[in-house]
Amino acid sequence: MQPTPRHYLDFEKPVLELAARVAELKASLAEGTPAAEKHLAQEIARLEIRQARVNRLLYRTLTPYQKVQVARHPQRPQGPDYIAALMTDFVPLEGDRRFGADAALVGGIGRWCDGTACVVLATDKGKDTASRVAKNFGMPKPEGYRKAQRLMQLAGRLGLPVVTLVDTPGAYPGIDAEERGQAEAIAGCLEVLMQLPTPVVSIITGEGGSGGALALAAADHVQLLEHSVYSVISPEGCAAILWKEATKETIPQAAEALKLTAQDLQALKLIDGIIPEPPGGAHANPGLTIRRVGEAVTAALAATRGPAAGLAAARRQRFLALT
């Protein structure tokens, strides 16, 4: 099976040009004389070093809106990727016991990579057009949030920690979701989290959009991947409100004003830490990214273990102090 070609973002054009030149030289490597092959191999090595250097420099100086683009990259690891790599004995649990299942939110019980039994909730944007449409591009409906409530309450009864892996533009805004009580379902998640007697660890792995993300991330310990974003509104929505139109000029201004990057949020003391991404972003090396998330969750679970008494009260106080 051929690996999926890397998708390059607009600002990655210098890296794309070098990658294309390397691919061109590799294609002609076997067609020349030994002397020519040696020269080509040296040139390929030189270009690959330059490509890696340019890639590193680009990702060290990303603007807030470029970070938004990276957070939305279609090849970033998704919730099921983390679960498959980091969980053993995972048993998926479906349905809200009221309406139906929600493909945008994966949930179940199993063991984290350090052996800790836990309940995991993870959003899923899908991998291709068909799956993205089926999963509402990672935007849960009320039945998804009510499933989350059910699994959180299960964790409370069993004394298990909850791990959430969040990558969503926000809750699904369709008429059917509103008819089934989207706002109430999100509020219900927040209520359950504020009362849960077991530890809750949340990682924003891509987009953390509005209340749809907060419903899964009102946790004892919240971390973001280095190029993830977390905001009350998207830059496009903010630009449409403030400047009456979302354009290529106003959207980056909105992203800057929103202070939505991991670095901004850490400076504001709204999150507990940042998980480094490989050069080129999480999509450039999904395996390393997933491993780092696993280690971060393991450390956070260890830090939040202890007497259950007072855990929910401390969590409520944590979020009340942000107002």
Protein backbone atom coordinates (compact mmCIF):
# COMPACT_ATOMS: atom_id res chain seq x y z
CA MET A 1 0.00 0.00 0.00
CA GLN A 2 1.46 3.34 -1.09
CA PRO A 3 1.74 5.99 1.67
CA THR A 4 -0.64 8.93 1.33
CA PRO A 5 1.17 11.89 -0.29
CA ARG A 6 1.73 14.73 2.14
CA HIS A 7 -0.71 17.62 1.82
CA TYR A 8 1.14 20.95 1.84
CA LEU A 9 -0.43 24.14 3.16
CA ASP A 10 -0.14 27.43 1.23
CA PHE A 11 2.60 28.83 3.45
CA GLU A 12 4.62 25.61 3.01
CA LYS A 13 5.36 26.38 -0.66
CA PRO A 14 9.17 26.61 -0.10
CA VAL A 15 9.14 23.14 1.46
CA LEU A 16 6.94 21.78 -1.34
CA GLU A 17 9.32 23.08 -4.01
CA LEU A 18 12.29 21.40 -2.35
CA ALA A 19 10.34 18.16 -1.86
CA ALA A 20 9.34 18.16 -5.53
CA ARG A 21 12.97 18.66 -6.59
CA VAL A 22 14.11 15.81 -4.32
CA ALA A 23 11.43 13.52 -5.76
CA GLU A 24 12.48 14.44 -9.30
CA LEU A 25 16.12 13.65 -8.60
CA LYS A 26 15.25 10.34 -6.91
CA ALA A 27 13.20 9.33 -9.95
CA SER A 28 16.23 9.84 -12.22
CA LEU A 29 18.76 8.34 -9.80
CA ALA A 30 18.78 4.88 -11.38
CA GLU A 31 18.94 6.12 -14.96
CA GLY A 32 22.52 7.47 -15.09
CA THR A 33 26.06 6.20 -14.86
CA PRO A 34 27.63 5.32 -11.48
CA ALA A 35 29.45 8.67 -11.45
CA ALA A 36 26.22 10.52 -12.21
CA GLU A 37 24.38 8.50 -9.54
CA LYS A 38 26.95 9.50 -6.95
CA HIS A 39 26.53 13.16 -7.87
CA LEU A 40 22.73 12.86 -7.73
CA ALA A 41 22.85 11.15 -4.35
CA GLN A 42 25.00 13.97 -2.98
CA GLU A 43 22.63 16.58 -4.39
CA ILE A 44 19.61 14.76 -2.93
CA ALA A 45 21.26 14.65 0.49
CA ARG A 46 22.04 18.37 0.28
CA LEU A 47 18.47 19.24 -0.72
CA GLU A 48 16.97 17.04 2.01
CA ILE A 49 19.07 18.81 4.64
CA ARG A 50 17.95 22.17 3.23
CA GLN A 51 14.32 21.01 3.16
CA ALA A 52 14.46 19.99 6.83
CA ARG A 53 16.07 23.32 7.76
CA VAL A 54 13.45 25.37 5.88
CA ASN A 55 10.68 23.28 7.44
CA ARG A 56 12.02 23.89 10.96
CA LEU A 57 12.36 27.63 10.39
CA LEU A 58 8.84 27.89 8.98
CA TYR A 59 7.30 26.14 11.98
CA ARG A 60 9.26 28.23 14.47
CA THR A 61 7.72 31.46 13.15
CA LEU A 62 4.09 30.55 12.45
CA THR A 63 1.52 33.31 12.73
CA PRO A 64 -1.67 32.61 14.72
CA TYR A 65 -3.67 32.00 11.55
CA GLN A 66 -1.02 29.70 10.15
CA LYS A 67 -1.33 27.72 13.40
CA VAL A 68 -5.08 27.53 12.76
CA GLN A 69 -4.32 26.04 9.34
CA VAL A 70 -1.93 23.50 10.87
CA ALA A 71 -4.50 22.61 13.56
CA ARG A 72 -7.01 21.89 10.77
CA HIS A 73 -4.56 19.90 8.63
CA PRO A 74 -6.45 16.93 7.15
CA GLN A 75 -3.59 14.52 7.91
CA ARG A 76 -3.31 15.29 11.64
CA PRO A 77 -3.85 12.21 13.83
CA GLN A 78 -7.51 11.75 14.75
CA GLY A 79 -9.15 10.39 17.89
CA PRO A 80 -9.28 6.77 16.68
CA ASP A 81 -5.55 6.94 15.81
CA TYR A 82 -4.71 7.85 19.41
CA ILE A 83 -7.01 5.17 20.79
CA ALA A 84 -5.59 2.46 18.52
CA ALA A 85 -1.99 3.32 19.44
CA LEU A 86 -2.34 4.16 23.12
CA MET A 87 -5.13 1.94 24.45
CA THR A 88 -5.34 -1.77 25.13
CA ASP A 89 -8.49 -3.79 25.85
CA PHE A 90 -10.53 -0.90 24.46
CA VAL A 91 -14.27 -1.53 24.38
CA PRO A 92 -16.24 1.11 22.43
CA LEU A 93 -19.56 2.10 23.97
CA GLU A 94 -22.21 3.62 21.73
CA GLY A 95 -25.46 5.51 21.99
CA ASP A 96 -26.99 8.00 24.38
CA ARG A 97 -29.92 5.70 25.37
CA ARG A 98 -32.29 8.43 24.18
CA PHE A 99 -31.91 8.99 20.44
CA GLY A 100 -28.99 7.23 18.77
CA ALA A 101 -25.27 7.02 18.07
CA ASP A 102 -22.97 9.86 16.99
CA ALA A 103 -20.07 9.03 14.70
CA ALA A 104 -18.29 12.31 15.53
CA LEU A 105 -17.55 11.21 19.10
CA VAL A 106 -15.79 7.94 19.93
CA GLY A 107 -16.02 6.72 23.50
CA GLY A 108 -15.30 3.63 25.52
CA ILE A 109 -13.42 1.98 28.33
CA GLY A 110 -9.98 0.38 28.31
CA ARG A 111 -6.42 0.70 29.58
CA TRP A 112 -4.13 3.61 28.80
CA CYS A 113 -0.59 2.83 27.63
CA ASP A 114 0.70 2.87 31.22
CA GLY A 115 -1.89 0.25 32.24
CA THR A 116 -4.32 2.69 33.88
CA ALA A 117 -7.96 1.69 33.40
CA CYS A 118 -9.90 4.72 32.18
CA VAL A 119 -12.80 6.02 30.13
CA VAL A 120 -11.76 7.77 26.91
CA LEU A 121 -13.75 10.23 24.79
CA ALA A 122 -12.32 11.40 21.45
CA THR A 123 -13.72 13.46 18.62
CA ASP A 124 -13.27 12.14 15.08
CA LYS A 125 -13.24 14.36 11.98
CA GLY A 126 -12.80 11.51 9.52
CA LYS A 127 -10.07 10.77 6.99
CA ASP A 128 -11.70 11.37 3.60
CA THR A 129 -14.68 13.21 2.18
CA ALA A 130 -17.20 10.42 2.78
CA SER A 131 -16.15 9.80 6.39
CA ARG A 132 -15.93 13.53 7.14
CA VAL A 133 -19.49 14.03 5.97
CA ALA A 134 -20.64 11.00 7.98
CA LYS A 135 -18.93 12.39 11.09
CA ASN A 136 -20.12 15.98 10.57
CA PHE A 137 -16.45 17.02 10.23
CA GLY A 138 -15.93 16.22 13.90
CA MET A 139 -18.89 18.26 15.17
CA PRO A 140 -20.91 16.19 17.67
CA LYS A 141 -24.69 16.38 17.85
CA PRO A 142 -26.71 16.28 21.11
CA GLU A 143 -26.65 12.48 21.15
CA GLY A 144 -22.84 12.66 21.11
CA TYR A 145 -22.72 14.95 24.13
CA ARG A 146 -25.32 12.86 25.95
CA LYS A 147 -23.23 9.77 25.26
CA ALA A 148 -20.30 11.66 26.74
CA GLN A 149 -22.37 12.38 29.86
CA ARG A 150 -23.30 8.71 30.13
CA LEU A 151 -19.68 7.56 29.90
CA MET A 152 -18.45 10.23 32.32
CA GLN A 153 -21.06 9.09 34.84
CA LEU A 154 -19.96 5.49 34.26
CA ALA A 155 -16.39 6.54 35.05
CA GLY A 156 -17.62 8.16 38.25
CA ARG A 157 -19.45 5.02 39.37
CA LEU A 158 -16.44 2.82 38.62
CA GLY A 159 -13.89 5.24 40.06
CA LEU A 160 -12.04 5.57 36.74
CA PRO A 161 -10.30 8.68 35.37
CA VAL A 162 -11.61 10.28 32.18
CA VAL A 163 -9.32 11.16 29.25
CA THR A 164 -10.67 13.37 26.46
CA LEU A 165 -8.96 14.00 23.12
CA VAL A 166 -10.55 17.02 21.50
CA ASP A 167 -10.35 18.16 17.88
CA THR A 168 -13.58 19.84 16.81
CA PRO A 169 -14.61 23.11 15.13
CA GLY A 170 -17.49 23.11 17.63
CA ALA A 171 -20.84 21.49 18.21
CA TYR A 172 -22.90 20.65 15.09
CA PRO A 173 -25.04 23.74 14.27
CA GLY A 174 -27.75 22.03 12.21
CA ILE A 175 -31.50 22.46 12.74
CA ASP A 176 -31.88 18.81 13.81
CA ALA A 177 -29.26 19.29 16.52
CA GLU A 178 -31.03 22.41 17.80
CA GLU A 179 -34.36 20.58 17.79
CA ARG A 180 -32.86 17.85 19.99
CA GLY A 181 -31.42 20.31 22.51
CA GLN A 182 -27.81 20.98 21.55
CA ALA A 183 -27.26 23.73 24.12
CA GLU A 184 -28.79 21.65 26.92
CA ALA A 185 -26.62 18.65 25.99
CA ILE A 186 -23.45 20.76 26.17
CA ALA A 187 -24.54 22.29 29.47
CA GLY A 188 -25.24 18.78 30.75
CA CYS A 189 -21.64 17.75 29.98
CA LEU A 190 -20.32 20.75 31.90
CA GLU A 191 -22.58 19.92 34.84
CA VAL A 192 -21.42 16.30 34.94
CA LEU A 193 -17.76 17.32 34.70
CA MET A 194 -18.12 19.81 37.54
CA GLN A 195 -19.48 17.03 39.76
CA LEU A 196 -17.33 14.10 38.63
CA PRO A 197 -15.39 12.60 41.59
CA THR A 198 -12.62 11.13 39.43
CA PRO A 199 -9.68 12.81 37.60
CA VAL A 200 -10.27 14.34 34.17
CA VAL A 201 -7.42 14.98 31.71
CA SER A 202 -8.05 16.73 28.40
CA ILE A 203 -5.76 17.19 25.39
CA ILE A 204 -6.67 19.55 22.55
CA THR A 205 -5.09 17.75 19.59
CA GLY A 206 -6.21 20.13 16.81
CA GLU A 207 -9.08 22.58 16.97
CA GLY A 208 -10.77 23.40 20.25
CA GLY A 209 -13.85 25.22 19.06
CA SER A 210 -16.25 27.03 21.39
CA GLY A 211 -18.62 25.25 23.80
CA GLY A 212 -18.47 22.13 21.68
CA ALA A 213 -14.87 21.67 22.81
CA LEU A 214 -15.33 23.00 26.34
CA ALA A 215 -18.04 20.38 26.94
CA LEU A 216 -15.24 17.78 26.79
CA ALA A 217 -12.39 19.86 28.22
CA ALA A 218 -13.59 21.23 31.57
CA ALA A 219 -10.87 19.11 33.14
CA ASP A 220 -8.44 19.02 36.04
CA HIS A 221 -5.54 19.12 33.58
CA VAL A 222 -5.70 20.66 30.09
CA GLN A 223 -2.87 20.61 27.55
CA LEU A 224 -2.62 21.59 23.89
CA LEU A 225 -0.43 20.21 21.17
CA GLU A 226 2.05 22.90 20.12
CA HIS A 227 0.18 24.00 16.99
CA SER A 228 -3.36 23.41 18.27
CA VAL A 229 -5.82 26.24 18.91
CA TYR A 230 -8.57 26.78 21.47
CA SER A 231 -11.08 29.61 21.18
CA VAL A 232 -14.64 30.72 21.80
CA ILE A 233 -15.11 31.33 18.07
CA SER A 234 -13.28 30.62 14.81
CA PRO A 235 -11.22 33.39 13.19
CA GLU A 236 -13.68 33.35 10.27
CA GLY A 237 -16.67 33.84 12.58
CA CYS A 238 -14.89 36.54 14.55
CA ALA A 239 -13.93 38.42 11.37
CA ALA A 240 -17.51 38.25 10.09
CA ILE A 241 -18.75 39.83 13.33
CA LEU A 242 -16.06 42.48 13.86
CA TRP A 243 -15.36 43.50 10.26
CA LYS A 244 -18.70 42.43 8.73
CA GLU A 245 -16.83 40.15 6.31
CA ALA A 246 -14.36 37.29 6.50
CA THR A 247 -11.55 37.94 4.01
CA LYS A 248 -7.91 36.94 3.66
CA GLU A 249 -7.06 40.26 5.34
CA THR A 250 -9.54 40.19 8.25
CA ILE A 251 -9.29 36.48 9.17
CA PRO A 252 -5.58 36.63 10.17
CA GLN A 253 -6.31 39.82 12.16
CA ALA A 254 -9.09 37.97 14.00
CA ALA A 255 -6.81 35.03 14.74
CA GLU A 256 -4.25 37.42 16.22
CA ALA A 257 -6.86 39.20 18.35
CA LEU A 258 -8.42 36.00 19.69
CA LYS A 259 -5.22 34.83 21.43
CA LEU A 260 -6.10 31.27 20.47
CA THR A 261 -2.69 29.62 20.18
CA ALA A 262 -1.27 27.25 22.76
CA GLN A 263 1.45 29.77 23.55
CA ASP A 264 -1.08 32.60 24.11
CA LEU A 265 -3.23 30.40 26.34
CA GLN A 266 -0.28 29.28 28.43
CA ALA A 267 0.82 32.90 28.89
CA LEU A 268 -2.73 33.70 30.07
CA LYS A 269 -2.57 30.71 32.46
CA LEU A 270 -5.66 29.13 30.88
CA ILE A 271 -4.01 25.76 30.21
CA ASP A 272 -1.55 23.55 32.06
CA GLY A 273 1.01 22.82 29.38
CA ILE A 274 2.03 22.45 25.74
CA ILE A 275 2.99 19.17 24.08
CA PRO A 276 5.77 19.71 21.47
CA GLU A 277 5.02 18.67 17.89
CA PRO A 278 7.61 17.30 15.45
CA PRO A 279 9.12 19.75 12.93
CA GLY A 280 6.46 20.25 10.28
CA GLY A 281 3.56 19.62 12.66
CA ALA A 282 1.77 16.56 14.00
CA HIS A 283 0.91 15.39 10.49
CA ALA A 284 4.61 15.20 9.58
CA ASN A 285 5.24 12.47 12.17
CA PRO A 286 1.97 11.11 13.59
CA GLY A 287 3.69 8.28 15.47
CA LEU A 288 5.92 10.62 17.46
CA THR A 289 3.00 12.98 18.12
CA ILE A 290 0.83 10.16 19.44
CA ARG A 291 3.64 8.90 21.65
CA ARG A 292 4.13 12.37 23.15
CA VAL A 293 0.41 12.69 23.85
CA GLY A 294 0.48 9.30 25.55
CA GLU A 295 3.36 10.39 27.78
CA ALA A 296 1.65 13.70 28.61
CA VAL A 297 -1.58 11.98 29.63
CA THR A 298 0.31 9.40 31.70
CA ALA A 299 2.12 12.19 33.59
CA ALA A 300 -1.12 14.15 34.09
CA LEU A 301 -2.96 11.09 35.41
CA ALA A 302 -0.14 10.44 37.85
CA ALA A 303 -0.27 14.07 39.01
CA THR A 304 -4.04 14.01 39.61
CA ARG A 305 -4.19 10.68 41.43
CA GLY A 306 -5.07 10.88 45.09
CA PRO A 307 -8.07 11.22 47.39
CA ALA A 308 -11.32 11.80 45.49
CA ALA A 309 -12.62 14.11 48.21
CA GLY A 310 -12.43 17.69 47.02
CA LEU A 311 -11.50 16.85 43.42
CA ALA A 312 -14.78 18.09 41.91
CA ALA A 313 -14.77 21.18 44.15
CA ALA A 314 -11.22 22.05 43.07
CA ARG A 315 -12.20 21.61 39.42
CA ARG A 316 -15.18 23.94 39.81
CA GLN A 317 -12.99 26.49 41.54
CA ARG A 318 -10.41 26.24 38.75
CA PHE A 319 -12.95 27.32 36.15
CA LEU A 320 -14.75 29.85 38.31
CA ALA A 321 -11.39 31.56 38.82
CA LEU A 322 -11.11 32.12 35.05
CA THR A 323 -14.18 34.35 34.91
